[in-house]
Amino acid sequence: MRFEVIGPVRWVEVIASGPGVRVRPYLRKAYGPGRWRKLKGIATVRLANGALREVELHRYEAHGIGKRDLKIKRYLDRM
């Protein structure tokens, strides 16, 4: 499902780094070697149907490579 992040991602925290990132071999193969970390944060997104929702996002990032594989983990507002 496609979505667009509207505004800043708030309350960003690291939930895994180094060997704690389970998909590290995939990230290394797809994007290159780096110090990969998994982060989570809260943001408002616009879904494909146009609805605005408050969600928890998870993403991977590495220094020099940037943010990759952004995904919605759960919806925080009630629809």
N, C-alpha and C. Protein backbone atom coordinates (compact mmCIF):
# COMPACT_ATOMS: atom_id res chain seq x y z
N MET A 1 0.84 -1.18 0.00
CA MET A 1 0.00 0.00 0.00
C MET A 1 0.88 1.24 0.00
N ARG A 2 0.57 2.18 -0.82
CA ARG A 2 1.33 3.43 -0.92
C ARG A 2 0.81 4.45 0.08
N PHE A 3 1.71 5.27 0.60
CA PHE A 3 1.33 6.34 1.51
C PHE A 3 2.37 7.45 1.41
N GLU A 4 1.98 8.63 1.91
CA GLU A 4 2.85 9.80 1.89
C GLU A 4 2.92 10.36 3.30
N VAL A 5 4.11 10.58 3.81
CA VAL A 5 4.27 11.14 5.14
C VAL A 5 3.99 12.63 5.07
N ILE A 6 3.07 13.10 5.93
CA ILE A 6 2.70 14.51 6.00
C ILE A 6 3.31 15.08 7.27
N GLY A 7 4.23 16.02 7.14
CA GLY A 7 4.85 16.64 8.31
C GLY A 7 6.01 15.80 8.85
N PRO A 8 6.51 16.20 10.02
CA PRO A 8 7.69 15.53 10.59
C PRO A 8 7.32 14.21 11.27
N VAL A 9 8.32 13.34 11.40
CA VAL A 9 8.18 12.11 12.17
C VAL A 9 8.61 12.45 13.60
N ARG A 10 7.72 12.21 14.55
CA ARG A 10 7.96 12.60 15.94
C ARG A 10 8.34 11.38 16.78
N TRP A 11 8.93 11.65 17.93
CA TRP A 11 9.29 10.63 18.92
C TRP A 11 10.05 9.47 18.30
N VAL A 12 11.10 9.79 17.58
CA VAL A 12 11.92 8.77 16.92
C VAL A 12 12.82 8.12 17.97
N GLU A 13 12.85 6.80 17.98
CA GLU A 13 13.74 6.08 18.88
C GLU A 13 14.31 4.85 18.18
N VAL A 14 15.54 4.52 18.55
CA VAL A 14 16.21 3.34 17.99
C VAL A 14 15.67 2.11 18.71
N ILE A 15 15.23 1.11 17.92
CA ILE A 15 14.75 -0.12 18.53
C ILE A 15 15.68 -1.30 18.28
N ALA A 16 16.63 -1.16 17.35
CA ALA A 16 17.64 -2.20 17.12
C ALA A 16 18.82 -1.57 16.38
N SER A 17 20.02 -2.09 16.66
CA SER A 17 21.20 -1.63 15.94
C SER A 17 22.21 -2.76 15.90
N GLY A 18 23.14 -2.68 14.96
CA GLY A 18 24.18 -3.69 14.82
C GLY A 18 23.60 -5.07 14.57
N PRO A 19 24.03 -6.07 15.34
CA PRO A 19 23.55 -7.44 15.11
C PRO A 19 22.08 -7.62 15.49
N GLY A 20 21.47 -6.66 16.17
CA GLY A 20 20.06 -6.74 16.53
C GLY A 20 19.13 -6.52 15.35
N VAL A 21 19.66 -5.98 14.26
CA VAL A 21 18.85 -5.77 13.05
C VAL A 21 18.84 -7.09 12.29
N ARG A 22 17.71 -7.77 12.31
CA ARG A 22 17.63 -9.13 11.75
C ARG A 22 17.80 -9.19 10.24
N VAL A 23 17.40 -8.14 9.54
CA VAL A 23 17.47 -8.16 8.07
C VAL A 23 18.74 -7.50 7.55
N ARG A 24 19.76 -7.45 8.37
CA ARG A 24 21.02 -6.81 7.99
C ARG A 24 21.63 -7.38 6.71
N PRO A 25 21.64 -8.71 6.50
CA PRO A 25 22.17 -9.22 5.23
C PRO A 25 21.42 -8.68 4.01
N TYR A 26 20.10 -8.57 4.11
CA TYR A 26 19.31 -8.00 3.01
C TYR A 26 19.67 -6.53 2.80
N LEU A 27 19.77 -5.75 3.87
CA LEU A 27 20.10 -4.33 3.76
C LEU A 27 21.48 -4.14 3.15
N ARG A 28 22.43 -4.94 3.57
CA ARG A 28 23.79 -4.84 3.04
C ARG A 28 23.81 -5.16 1.55
N LYS A 29 23.08 -6.19 1.15
CA LYS A 29 23.05 -6.58 -0.26
C LYS A 29 22.31 -5.54 -1.11
N ALA A 30 21.21 -5.01 -0.61
CA ALA A 30 20.38 -4.08 -1.38
C ALA A 30 20.96 -2.66 -1.43
N TYR A 31 21.53 -2.19 -0.30
CA TYR A 31 21.93 -0.79 -0.21
C TYR A 31 23.41 -0.57 0.09
N GLY A 32 24.12 -1.61 0.52
CA GLY A 32 25.54 -1.48 0.80
C GLY A 32 25.85 -1.59 2.28
N PRO A 33 27.13 -1.75 2.61
CA PRO A 33 27.51 -1.90 4.01
C PRO A 33 27.36 -0.57 4.76
N GLY A 34 27.00 -0.67 6.00
CA GLY A 34 26.84 0.52 6.83
C GLY A 34 26.48 0.11 8.24
N ARG A 35 26.38 1.08 9.12
CA ARG A 35 25.96 0.82 10.49
C ARG A 35 24.44 0.93 10.53
N TRP A 36 23.78 -0.17 10.26
CA TRP A 36 22.33 -0.18 10.12
C TRP A 36 21.65 -0.14 11.47
N ARG A 37 20.59 0.68 11.54
CA ARG A 37 19.76 0.80 12.73
C ARG A 37 18.30 0.74 12.33
N LYS A 38 17.46 0.17 13.19
CA LYS A 38 16.02 0.16 12.98
C LYS A 38 15.42 1.19 13.94
N LEU A 39 14.59 2.08 13.39
CA LEU A 39 14.00 3.14 14.19
C LEU A 39 12.49 3.11 14.08
N LYS A 40 11.82 3.67 15.10
CA LYS A 40 10.38 3.83 15.02
C LYS A 40 10.03 5.25 15.42
N GLY A 41 8.89 5.71 14.91
CA GLY A 41 8.42 7.05 15.21
C GLY A 41 6.94 7.18 14.89
N ILE A 42 6.37 8.31 15.26
CA ILE A 42 4.96 8.59 15.06
C ILE A 42 4.84 9.67 13.99
N ALA A 43 3.91 9.50 13.04
CA ALA A 43 3.72 10.49 11.99
C ALA A 43 2.28 10.45 11.48
N THR A 44 1.90 11.52 10.80
CA THR A 44 0.63 11.58 10.09
C THR A 44 0.92 11.24 8.64
N VAL A 45 0.13 10.33 8.06
CA VAL A 45 0.33 9.94 6.67
C VAL A 45 -0.97 10.08 5.89
N ARG A 46 -0.83 10.29 4.59
CA ARG A 46 -1.98 10.28 3.69
C ARG A 46 -1.95 8.95 2.94
N LEU A 47 -3.01 8.17 3.12
CA LEU A 47 -3.10 6.87 2.47
C LEU A 47 -3.51 7.01 1.01
N ALA A 48 -3.48 5.93 0.27
CA ALA A 48 -3.82 5.94 -1.16
C ALA A 48 -5.25 6.40 -1.40
N ASN A 49 -6.15 6.14 -0.44
CA ASN A 49 -7.55 6.56 -0.61
C ASN A 49 -7.79 8.00 -0.18
N GLY A 50 -6.74 8.71 0.25
CA GLY A 50 -6.84 10.11 0.63
C GLY A 50 -7.04 10.35 2.11
N ALA A 51 -7.23 9.32 2.90
CA ALA A 51 -7.46 9.47 4.34
C ALA A 51 -6.17 9.85 5.04
N LEU A 52 -6.29 10.73 6.05
CA LEU A 52 -5.16 11.09 6.90
C LEU A 52 -5.24 10.25 8.17
N ARG A 53 -4.15 9.57 8.51
CA ARG A 53 -4.12 8.70 9.69
C ARG A 53 -2.86 8.94 10.49
N GLU A 54 -2.95 8.78 11.79
CA GLU A 54 -1.80 8.84 12.69
C GLU A 54 -1.28 7.40 12.82
N VAL A 55 0.01 7.19 12.53
CA VAL A 55 0.56 5.83 12.48
C VAL A 55 1.90 5.74 13.20
N GLU A 56 2.27 4.51 13.52
CA GLU A 56 3.63 4.21 13.98
C GLU A 56 4.40 3.70 12.77
N LEU A 57 5.50 4.37 12.46
CA LEU A 57 6.33 4.00 11.31
C LEU A 57 7.59 3.30 11.80
N HIS A 58 8.05 2.32 11.03
CA HIS A 58 9.36 1.70 11.27
C HIS A 58 10.19 1.91 10.02
N ARG A 59 11.48 2.14 10.21
CA ARG A 59 12.38 2.34 9.08
C ARG A 59 13.78 1.89 9.44
N TYR A 60 14.60 1.70 8.41
CA TYR A 60 16.01 1.38 8.58
C TYR A 60 16.81 2.55 8.07
N GLU A 61 17.95 2.82 8.70
CA GLU A 61 18.84 3.86 8.19
C GLU A 61 20.28 3.53 8.56
N ALA A 62 21.18 4.06 7.75
CA ALA A 62 22.62 3.92 7.99
C ALA A 62 23.30 5.22 7.62
N HIS A 63 24.36 5.54 8.33
CA HIS A 63 25.12 6.75 8.05
C HIS A 63 25.70 6.68 6.64
N GLY A 64 25.51 7.74 5.88
CA GLY A 64 26.03 7.79 4.52
C GLY A 64 25.11 7.15 3.49
N ILE A 65 24.13 6.39 3.93
CA ILE A 65 23.19 5.75 3.01
C ILE A 65 21.82 6.40 3.12
N GLY A 66 21.39 6.69 4.33
CA GLY A 66 20.13 7.39 4.53
C GLY A 66 19.01 6.47 4.99
N LYS A 67 17.78 6.99 4.89
CA LYS A 67 16.60 6.28 5.35
C LYS A 67 16.09 5.36 4.26
N ARG A 68 15.77 4.12 4.63
CA ARG A 68 15.30 3.13 3.67
C ARG A 68 14.17 2.32 4.27
N ASP A 69 13.33 1.74 3.43
CA ASP A 69 12.30 0.77 3.78
C ASP A 69 11.37 1.27 4.89
N LEU A 70 10.68 2.35 4.60
CA LEU A 70 9.70 2.91 5.52
C LEU A 70 8.42 2.10 5.44
N LYS A 71 7.87 1.70 6.59
CA LYS A 71 6.62 0.92 6.58
C LYS A 71 5.74 1.30 7.76
N ILE A 72 4.44 1.18 7.56
CA ILE A 72 3.47 1.42 8.61
C ILE A 72 3.38 0.16 9.46
N LYS A 73 3.61 0.33 10.75
CA LYS A 73 3.55 -0.82 11.65
C LYS A 73 2.16 -0.96 12.27
N ARG A 74 1.57 0.17 12.69
CA ARG A 74 0.20 0.13 13.21
C ARG A 74 -0.43 1.50 13.16
N TYR A 75 -1.76 1.51 13.16
CA TYR A 75 -2.54 2.75 13.16
C TYR A 75 -2.83 3.13 14.60
N LEU A 76 -2.65 4.41 14.93
CA LEU A 76 -2.81 4.86 16.29
C LEU A 76 -4.15 5.57 16.54
N ASP A 77 -4.77 6.07 15.50
CA ASP A 77 -6.07 6.74 15.68
C ASP A 77 -7.21 5.76 15.40
N ARG A 78 -8.36 6.12 15.86
CA ARG A 78 -9.54 5.25 15.63
C ARG A 78 -10.32 5.82 14.45
N MET A 79 -10.66 4.95 13.51
CA MET A 79 -11.44 5.38 12.34
C MET A 79 -12.84 4.86 12.46
